[in-house]
Amino acid sequence: MENRKENLKYKLGEILSQSNGGFIIAVTGILFALVYHIGFLITFGVLKITPMFYFNIFSVSYFGIITFLLIKFKGVNAAYYSAMVEVVLHAICADYFLTGYAGFHFLIFIMAVFPYLVEKKGFVAALPASFVCTVVFVFCVWYFDKIEAIYPLAIEVLRKIRFVNIAASLTLVLFMIVIFKLIIEYIEKNIERLNEKNEALLENILPRRVMEELRDKGYAEPEAYKNVSILFTDIVGFTSISKTMEPSVLIDELNDIFTHFDQIIENYGCVRIKTIGDAYMAVCGLPDSNMNSSRVMVAAAIDCRDYLEERNKNSKYKWKIRLGINTGEVVAGIVGIKKYIYDIFGDAVNVASRMESNSEAMKISVSQDVYERTKNDFTFTDRGEKEIKGKGMMKLYFVEK
């Protein structure tokens, strides 16, 4: 029940805050004015106040025409300003004949507030009309309380007229308050939902700590981290295979593979940093330090490899990947000031990339550092020393299981 009520309020706020919101408010106000003037047409006829009787004949006709034109052409601003002229003149004449105690000028005050609901150009455009109505209202309060009635009425009758005018004014005020509240609640709810979407999007791009720092400070300081394990994967023969595939099929294949990699990486508490084409990069121990990052990353890499082997059994396309892992110190931070990219840098990253490029299909190649940290947890094959670009001779190992 509560959810249904909230959904209804949200939907009403949505309708009122959009382009047709001012139209709905204007139609409601004009119809209210039409009924009001019909009521006083009868009242002034019964009381034999001839000038106001004929004025209200004109007013009823006037508002009938405005209603027709408003519905037909949807000229919200034109309808408001036309109505404002009539309401001001009507209030001045009625207070003149019956004195300010009759309270007709209270409707002028309502017209001072209405333009902020219907004026599409905003606050500045609504201000002149609001100012004019406020000045006229103050003048009526000051001047017509001092004069004597041209058509004196019994105090009981005058009080009833005053009550109707004040009640009508308060009803319109309440109406506007409700409208404002619905619109504001709709906007606030939209902002809240937008913030939730933005945070969810940022969480897919940035670590939570970095996201919070960026939100609070507007920037995030780069930081150095130790014992970070970096995984690189690359599809073997991707360029030649991709030439034989439709682009949409290729994207679907990569999306499916990398989505499963993401799930595996996330299950191990690791973080995917980025993908570049068919290359996939993830880390463990960042931004939260993990002394067992090597063991965790190797286990995640094994699962990624095993998933792909299992997938190939039932898939039309048989993909094979090379995997490489290294552990060391990195610097992590945001690259760019508009399109944020969270990236890591350092020699440990370069070595991890070399481990992958020196690996083999469906093999996980690791550095000496990773081997020393995990040799009691997994089975390895010693590959001996190999010439690594930019690093010289390095000992490499394959993870078997």
Protein backbone atom coordinates (compact mmCIF):
# COMPACT_ATOMS: atom_id res chain seq x y z
CA MET A 1 0.00 0.00 0.00
CA GLU A 2 2.80 2.39 0.94
CA ASN A 3 4.72 1.57 -2.25
CA ARG A 4 1.61 2.17 -4.35
CA LYS A 5 1.13 5.57 -2.70
CA GLU A 6 4.79 6.50 -3.31
CA ASN A 7 4.56 5.38 -6.94
CA LEU A 8 1.43 7.48 -7.45
CA LYS A 9 3.11 10.56 -5.93
CA TYR A 10 6.17 10.00 -8.12
CA LYS A 11 4.05 9.67 -11.25
CA LEU A 12 2.09 12.84 -10.44
CA GLY A 13 5.34 14.69 -9.78
CA GLU A 14 6.70 13.48 -13.11
CA ILE A 15 3.61 14.70 -14.98
CA LEU A 16 3.62 18.08 -13.24
CA SER A 17 7.36 18.70 -13.63
CA GLN A 18 7.36 18.07 -17.36
CA SER A 19 6.16 20.38 -20.11
CA ASN A 20 2.47 19.66 -19.52
CA GLY A 21 2.71 20.42 -15.81
CA GLY A 22 2.12 24.15 -16.29
CA PHE A 23 -0.78 23.36 -18.60
CA ILE A 24 -2.51 21.21 -15.97
CA ILE A 25 -2.02 23.89 -13.32
CA ALA A 26 -3.29 26.62 -15.66
CA VAL A 27 -6.41 24.66 -16.64
CA THR A 28 -7.16 23.91 -12.99
CA GLY A 29 -6.73 27.57 -12.03
CA ILE A 30 -8.85 28.86 -14.91
CA LEU A 31 -11.67 26.37 -14.18
CA PHE A 32 -11.51 27.36 -10.52
CA ALA A 33 -11.84 31.02 -11.53
CA LEU A 34 -14.77 30.21 -13.84
CA VAL A 35 -16.70 28.44 -11.05
CA TYR A 36 -15.81 31.22 -8.61
CA HIS A 37 -17.17 33.94 -10.89
CA ILE A 38 -20.34 32.00 -11.65
CA GLY A 39 -20.90 31.80 -7.89
CA PHE A 40 -20.45 35.54 -7.43
CA LEU A 41 -22.54 36.28 -10.52
CA ILE A 42 -25.44 34.66 -8.67
CA THR A 43 -24.46 36.31 -5.36
CA PHE A 44 -24.30 39.83 -6.78
CA GLY A 45 -27.57 39.27 -8.63
CA VAL A 46 -29.30 38.23 -5.39
CA LEU A 47 -27.74 41.19 -3.51
CA LYS A 48 -28.71 43.56 -6.36
CA ILE A 49 -25.19 44.97 -6.69
CA THR A 50 -25.72 45.84 -10.35
CA PRO A 51 -22.19 46.93 -11.42
CA MET A 52 -20.59 43.73 -10.06
CA PHE A 53 -23.42 41.61 -11.45
CA TYR A 54 -22.66 42.84 -14.98
CA PHE A 55 -18.92 42.65 -14.32
CA ASN A 56 -19.31 38.97 -13.44
CA ILE A 57 -21.34 38.31 -16.59
CA PHE A 58 -18.33 39.67 -18.46
CA SER A 59 -15.94 37.64 -16.25
CA VAL A 60 -17.75 34.33 -16.79
CA SER A 61 -17.73 34.91 -20.56
CA TYR A 62 -14.09 36.00 -20.40
CA PHE A 63 -12.94 32.90 -18.50
CA GLY A 64 -15.05 30.67 -20.74
CA ILE A 65 -13.16 32.02 -23.78
CA ILE A 66 -9.80 31.70 -21.98
CA THR A 67 -10.59 28.08 -21.09
CA PHE A 68 -11.47 27.26 -24.70
CA LEU A 69 -8.35 28.95 -26.10
CA LEU A 70 -6.12 27.38 -23.44
CA ILE A 71 -7.32 23.86 -24.20
CA LYS A 72 -7.18 24.42 -27.97
CA PHE A 73 -3.82 26.23 -28.27
CA LYS A 74 -2.20 25.36 -24.89
CA GLY A 75 -1.01 28.95 -24.48
CA VAL A 76 -0.29 28.68 -20.77
CA ASN A 77 1.44 32.03 -20.30
CA ALA A 78 -1.14 33.94 -22.37
CA ALA A 79 -3.94 32.38 -20.32
CA TYR A 80 -2.27 33.30 -17.03
CA TYR A 81 -1.60 36.94 -17.94
CA SER A 82 -5.14 37.35 -19.33
CA ALA A 83 -6.58 35.88 -16.11
CA MET A 84 -4.31 38.10 -14.00
CA VAL A 85 -5.72 41.26 -15.61
CA GLU A 86 -9.31 40.16 -14.91
CA VAL A 87 -8.62 39.08 -11.31
CA VAL A 88 -6.88 42.38 -10.48
CA LEU A 89 -9.68 44.49 -11.99
CA HIS A 90 -12.39 42.34 -10.40
CA ALA A 91 -10.81 42.58 -6.95
CA ILE A 92 -10.33 46.35 -7.16
CA CYS A 93 -13.94 46.94 -8.30
CA ALA A 94 -15.44 44.56 -5.73
CA ASP A 95 -13.41 46.08 -2.86
CA TYR A 96 -14.40 49.54 -4.11
CA PHE A 97 -18.12 48.74 -3.92
CA LEU A 98 -18.03 46.62 -0.74
CA THR A 99 -14.84 47.85 1.07
CA GLY A 100 -11.68 45.88 1.73
CA TYR A 101 -13.36 43.87 4.46
CA ALA A 102 -15.04 41.78 1.74
CA GLY A 103 -11.56 40.33 1.04
CA PHE A 104 -11.62 40.16 -2.75
CA HIS A 105 -8.03 41.36 -2.86
CA PHE A 106 -6.82 38.05 -1.37
CA LEU A 107 -7.19 36.55 -4.84
CA ILE A 108 -4.66 39.09 -6.15
CA PHE A 109 -2.09 37.65 -3.76
CA ILE A 110 -2.73 34.20 -5.22
CA MET A 111 -2.02 35.59 -8.70
CA ALA A 112 1.32 36.82 -7.37
CA VAL A 113 2.34 33.21 -6.71
CA PHE A 114 0.83 31.47 -9.74
CA PRO A 115 3.34 32.64 -12.40
CA TYR A 116 6.13 30.60 -10.78
CA LEU A 117 4.12 27.45 -11.54
CA VAL A 118 3.11 28.22 -15.12
CA GLU A 119 5.84 30.50 -16.50
CA LYS A 120 8.07 28.30 -18.66
CA LYS A 121 10.91 30.81 -18.81
CA GLY A 122 11.44 30.55 -15.07
CA PHE A 123 11.89 32.82 -12.10
CA VAL A 124 13.08 35.98 -13.88
CA ALA A 125 10.17 35.96 -16.35
CA ALA A 126 7.62 35.42 -13.56
CA LEU A 127 9.01 38.16 -11.31
CA PRO A 128 7.44 41.26 -13.03
CA ALA A 129 3.89 39.81 -12.90
CA SER A 130 4.40 38.72 -9.32
CA PHE A 131 5.69 42.17 -8.38
CA VAL A 132 2.72 43.95 -9.98
CA CYS A 133 0.23 41.69 -8.20
CA THR A 134 1.97 42.15 -4.85
CA VAL A 135 1.96 45.95 -5.19
CA VAL A 136 -1.75 45.97 -6.10
CA PHE A 137 -2.53 43.64 -3.18
CA VAL A 138 -0.72 45.91 -0.69
CA PHE A 139 -2.50 48.96 -2.13
CA CYS A 140 -5.92 47.28 -1.74
CA VAL A 141 -5.18 46.33 1.87
CA TRP A 142 -4.07 49.88 2.64
CA TYR A 143 -6.68 51.86 0.68
CA PHE A 144 -9.98 49.95 0.66
CA ASP A 145 -10.01 49.35 4.42
CA LYS A 146 -10.40 53.12 4.84
CA ILE A 147 -13.34 53.79 2.53
CA GLU A 148 -17.07 53.37 3.10
CA ALA A 149 -19.07 50.83 1.09
CA ILE A 150 -21.03 52.13 -1.88
CA TYR A 151 -23.31 49.09 -1.47
CA PRO A 152 -23.50 48.57 2.32
CA LEU A 153 -24.28 45.00 3.35
CA ALA A 154 -25.25 43.45 6.64
CA ILE A 155 -22.16 42.44 8.58
CA GLU A 156 -23.24 38.77 8.51
CA VAL A 157 -23.43 38.81 4.72
CA LEU A 158 -20.12 40.64 4.43
CA ARG A 159 -18.47 38.09 6.73
CA LYS A 160 -19.75 35.24 4.57
CA ILE A 161 -18.34 36.89 1.45
CA ARG A 162 -15.04 37.46 3.23
CA PHE A 163 -15.01 33.82 4.37
CA VAL A 164 -15.59 32.59 0.80
CA ASN A 165 -12.78 34.78 -0.55
CA ILE A 166 -10.31 33.73 2.14
CA ALA A 167 -11.33 30.06 1.82
CA ALA A 168 -10.94 30.21 -1.97
CA SER A 169 -7.53 31.83 -1.58
CA LEU A 170 -6.39 29.26 0.99
CA THR A 171 -7.65 26.42 -1.21
CA LEU A 172 -5.55 27.68 -4.10
CA VAL A 173 -2.55 28.15 -1.80
CA LEU A 174 -2.95 24.57 -0.57
CA PHE A 175 -3.27 23.41 -4.17
CA MET A 176 -0.02 25.16 -5.09
CA ILE A 177 1.78 23.80 -2.01
CA VAL A 178 0.75 20.26 -2.97
CA ILE A 179 1.91 20.84 -6.55
CA PHE A 180 5.26 22.25 -5.40
CA LYS A 181 5.73 19.36 -2.99
CA LEU A 182 5.01 16.72 -5.63
CA ILE A 183 7.41 18.36 -8.08
CA ILE A 184 10.16 18.77 -5.46
CA GLU A 185 9.79 15.18 -4.24
CA TYR A 186 9.95 13.95 -7.83
CA ILE A 187 13.12 15.96 -8.50
CA GLU A 188 14.71 14.82 -5.24
CA LYS A 189 13.86 11.19 -5.99
CA ASN A 190 15.31 11.55 -9.48
CA ILE A 191 18.50 13.10 -8.09
CA GLU A 192 18.76 10.27 -5.57
CA ARG A 193 18.31 7.65 -8.28
CA LEU A 194 20.79 9.45 -10.53
CA ASN A 195 23.37 9.52 -7.72
CA GLU A 196 22.85 5.80 -7.15
CA LYS A 197 23.36 5.11 -10.86
CA ASN A 198 26.46 7.33 -10.94
CA GLU A 199 27.95 5.56 -7.93
CA ALA A 200 27.17 2.16 -9.43
CA LEU A 201 28.81 3.25 -12.69
CA LEU A 202 31.86 4.62 -10.90
CA GLU A 203 32.18 1.42 -8.88
CA ASN A 204 32.51 -0.44 -12.17
CA ILE A 205 35.33 1.88 -13.19
CA LEU A 206 37.10 2.82 -9.95
CA PRO A 207 37.84 1.16 -6.60
CA ARG A 208 35.47 2.35 -3.87
CA ARG A 209 38.17 4.19 -1.92
CA VAL A 210 39.24 6.11 -5.03
CA MET A 211 35.61 6.81 -5.94
CA GLU A 212 34.88 8.22 -2.47
CA GLU A 213 38.02 10.38 -2.52
CA LEU A 214 37.12 11.67 -5.98
CA ARG A 215 33.56 12.46 -4.84
CA ASP A 216 34.66 14.20 -1.63
CA LYS A 217 37.73 16.08 -2.89
CA GLY A 218 37.21 16.28 -6.64
CA TYR A 219 40.51 14.45 -7.21
CA ALA A 220 42.33 11.32 -6.07
CA GLU A 221 46.00 11.16 -5.17
CA PRO A 222 48.05 8.36 -6.81
CA GLU A 223 49.38 5.83 -4.30
CA ALA A 224 52.13 3.23 -4.19
CA TYR A 225 51.22 -0.34 -3.24
CA LYS A 226 53.41 -3.30 -2.36
CA ASN A 227 52.71 -7.00 -2.90
CA VAL A 228 50.30 -6.39 -5.76
CA SER A 229 49.82 -9.29 -8.17
CA ILE A 230 49.07 -8.47 -11.80
CA LEU A 231 47.42 -10.81 -14.31
CA PHE A 232 47.53 -10.35 -18.05
CA THR A 233 45.67 -12.55 -20.54
CA ASP A 234 45.72 -12.42 -24.32
CA ILE A 235 43.88 -14.47 -26.94
CA VAL A 236 46.14 -16.56 -29.15
CA GLY A 237 45.74 -15.81 -32.87
CA PHE A 238 43.04 -13.26 -32.22
CA THR A 239 43.79 -11.10 -35.25
CA SER A 240 43.52 -13.92 -37.78
CA ILE A 241 40.44 -15.45 -36.12
CA SER A 242 38.62 -12.12 -35.88
CA LYS A 243 38.94 -11.56 -39.65
CA THR A 244 36.67 -14.54 -40.27
CA MET A 245 33.91 -13.39 -37.91
CA GLU A 246 31.09 -10.86 -38.10
CA PRO A 247 31.89 -7.84 -35.86
CA SER A 248 28.73 -8.34 -33.78
CA VAL A 249 29.57 -12.02 -33.21
CA LEU A 250 33.14 -11.11 -32.25
CA ILE A 251 31.95 -8.55 -29.72
CA ASP A 252 29.45 -11.02 -28.26
CA GLU A 253 32.18 -13.63 -27.87
CA LEU A 254 34.58 -11.24 -26.14
CA ASN A 255 31.80 -9.89 -23.94
CA ASP A 256 30.80 -13.38 -22.83
CA ILE A 257 34.38 -14.44 -22.06
CA PHE A 258 35.36 -11.26 -20.24
CA THR A 259 32.09 -11.19 -18.29
CA HIS A 260 32.89 -14.64 -16.92
CA PHE A 261 36.45 -13.56 -16.20
CA ASP A 262 35.04 -10.59 -14.27
CA GLN A 263 32.88 -12.89 -12.18
CA ILE A 264 35.83 -15.14 -11.37
CA ILE A 265 38.10 -12.21 -10.57
CA GLU A 266 35.46 -10.62 -8.34
CA ASN A 267 34.81 -13.90 -6.51
CA TYR A 268 38.47 -13.98 -5.53
CA GLY A 269 38.39 -10.39 -4.27
CA CYS A 270 40.49 -9.15 -7.18
CA VAL A 271 39.84 -6.20 -9.49
CA ARG A 272 39.72 -5.96 -13.25
CA ILE A 273 41.70 -2.90 -14.33
CA LYS A 274 40.93 -2.79 -18.04
CA THR A 275 40.55 -4.59 -21.32
CA ILE A 276 42.34 -3.51 -24.50
CA GLY A 277 40.95 -5.36 -27.47
CA ASP A 278 41.43 -9.03 -26.67
CA ALA A 279 43.79 -8.32 -23.75
CA TYR A 280 42.51 -8.55 -20.16
CA MET A 281 44.25 -7.11 -17.09
CA ALA A 282 43.41 -7.65 -13.42
CA VAL A 283 45.12 -7.18 -10.06
CA CYS A 284 44.98 -8.56 -6.53
CA GLY A 285 46.03 -6.65 -3.42
CA LEU A 286 44.76 -3.29 -4.66
CA PRO A 287 43.61 -1.04 -3.10
CA ASP A 288 43.34 -3.33 -0.04
CA SER A 289 46.66 -4.92 0.82
CA ASN A 290 46.73 -8.71 0.55
CA MET A 291 49.91 -10.54 1.59
CA ASN A 292 48.61 -13.64 -0.22
CA SER A 293 47.87 -11.78 -3.44
CA SER A 294 50.10 -14.09 -5.49
CA ARG A 295 48.30 -17.22 -4.32
CA VAL A 296 44.88 -15.65 -4.84
CA MET A 297 45.74 -14.39 -8.32
CA VAL A 298 47.18 -17.72 -9.42
CA ALA A 299 44.03 -19.49 -8.22
CA ALA A 300 41.87 -16.98 -10.12
CA ALA A 301 43.98 -17.44 -13.27
CA ILE A 302 43.56 -21.23 -13.07
CA ASP A 303 39.79 -20.80 -12.85
CA CYS A 304 39.82 -18.45 -15.86
CA ARG A 305 41.79 -20.98 -17.88
CA ASP A 306 39.58 -23.88 -16.76
CA TYR A 307 36.42 -21.92 -17.58
CA LEU A 308 37.65 -21.29 -21.13
CA GLU A 309 38.61 -24.94 -21.61
CA GLU A 310 35.13 -25.99 -20.50
CA ARG A 311 33.51 -23.35 -22.71
CA ASN A 312 35.42 -24.57 -25.77
CA LYS A 313 33.82 -28.01 -25.45
CA ASN A 314 30.39 -26.69 -26.40
CA SER A 315 31.22 -23.52 -28.31
CA LYS A 316 31.46 -23.00 -32.05
CA TYR A 317 34.54 -20.87 -31.57
CA LYS A 318 37.52 -22.40 -29.77
CA TRP A 319 39.47 -19.66 -28.03
CA LYS A 320 42.85 -20.13 -26.41
CA ILE A 321 44.61 -17.65 -24.17
CA ARG A 322 48.05 -16.96 -22.78
CA LEU A 323 48.22 -15.90 -19.13
CA GLY A 324 51.02 -14.18 -17.22
CA ILE A 325 51.38 -13.16 -13.58
CA ASN A 326 53.90 -11.11 -11.62
CA THR A 327 53.94 -9.66 -8.10
CA GLY A 328 55.59 -6.44 -6.99
CA GLU A 329 55.22 -2.76 -6.24
CA VAL A 330 52.97 -0.54 -8.37
CA VAL A 331 51.67 3.02 -8.45
CA ALA A 332 47.91 3.30 -8.97
CA GLY A 333 45.85 6.36 -9.81
CA ILE A 334 43.42 8.07 -12.14
CA VAL A 335 44.52 8.97 -15.63
CA GLY A 336 42.79 11.97 -17.25
CA ILE A 337 40.49 14.70 -15.95
CA LYS A 338 37.35 14.08 -18.04
CA LYS A 339 37.08 10.40 -18.92
CA TYR A 340 38.41 8.80 -15.77
CA ILE A 341 40.59 5.71 -16.20
CA TYR A 342 42.02 3.95 -13.17
CA ASP A 343 45.36 2.40 -14.11
CA ILE A 344 48.52 1.01 -12.55
CA PHE A 345 52.14 1.65 -13.45
CA GLY A 346 55.54 0.31 -12.53
CA ASP A 347 58.14 -2.27 -13.37
CA ALA A 348 56.01 -5.03 -11.85
CA VAL A 349 53.33 -4.30 -14.46
CA ASN A 350 55.84 -4.47 -17.30
CA VAL A 351 57.16 -7.82 -16.03
CA ALA A 352 53.61 -9.23 -15.79
CA SER A 353 53.03 -8.20 -19.40
CA ARG A 354 56.28 -9.96 -20.39
CA MET A 355 55.14 -13.08 -18.53
CA GLU A 356 52.01 -13.18 -20.67
CA SER A 357 53.80 -12.52 -23.99
CA ASN A 358 56.31 -15.28 -23.16
CA SER A 359 53.58 -17.74 -22.19
CA GLU A 360 51.92 -20.39 -24.38
CA ALA A 361 48.36 -21.28 -25.31
CA MET A 362 46.30 -22.17 -22.21
CA LYS A 363 49.39 -21.84 -20.01
CA ILE A 364 49.96 -19.59 -16.99
CA SER A 365 53.46 -18.16 -16.94
CA VAL A 366 54.73 -16.66 -13.68
CA SER A 367 57.84 -14.86 -12.51
CA GLN A 368 60.36 -15.98 -9.90
CA ASP A 369 58.66 -13.73 -7.32
CA VAL A 370 55.27 -15.41 -7.83
CA TYR A 371 56.84 -18.87 -7.74
CA GLU A 372 58.64 -18.21 -4.44
CA ARG A 373 55.42 -16.97 -2.83
CA THR A 374 53.22 -19.85 -4.04
CA LYS A 375 55.50 -22.88 -4.58
CA ASN A 376 53.92 -24.67 -1.61
CA ASP A 377 50.38 -24.07 -2.90
CA PHE A 378 50.56 -25.11 -6.58
CA THR A 379 52.44 -27.43 -8.92
CA PHE A 380 54.92 -25.71 -11.26
CA THR A 381 57.06 -26.56 -14.25
CA ASP A 382 60.46 -24.86 -14.30
CA ARG A 383 60.97 -23.24 -17.69
CA GLY A 384 64.53 -22.20 -16.98
CA GLU A 385 65.93 -18.80 -17.82
CA LYS A 386 64.67 -16.80 -20.76
CA GLU A 387 65.65 -13.50 -22.32
CA ILE A 388 62.98 -10.97 -21.34
CA LYS A 389 62.80 -7.73 -23.29
CA GLY A 390 64.04 -4.84 -21.16
CA LYS A 391 64.87 -7.13 -18.22
CA GLY A 392 67.56 -9.52 -19.40
CA MET A 393 67.60 -13.14 -18.30
CA MET A 394 64.78 -14.17 -15.93
CA LYS A 395 63.58 -17.48 -14.52
CA LEU A 396 60.07 -18.41 -15.60
CA TYR A 397 57.60 -21.07 -14.46
CA PHE A 398 54.37 -22.59 -15.73
CA VAL A 399 51.55 -23.17 -13.25
CA GLU A 400 50.18 -26.67 -13.79
CA LYS A 401 47.54 -26.95 -11.06
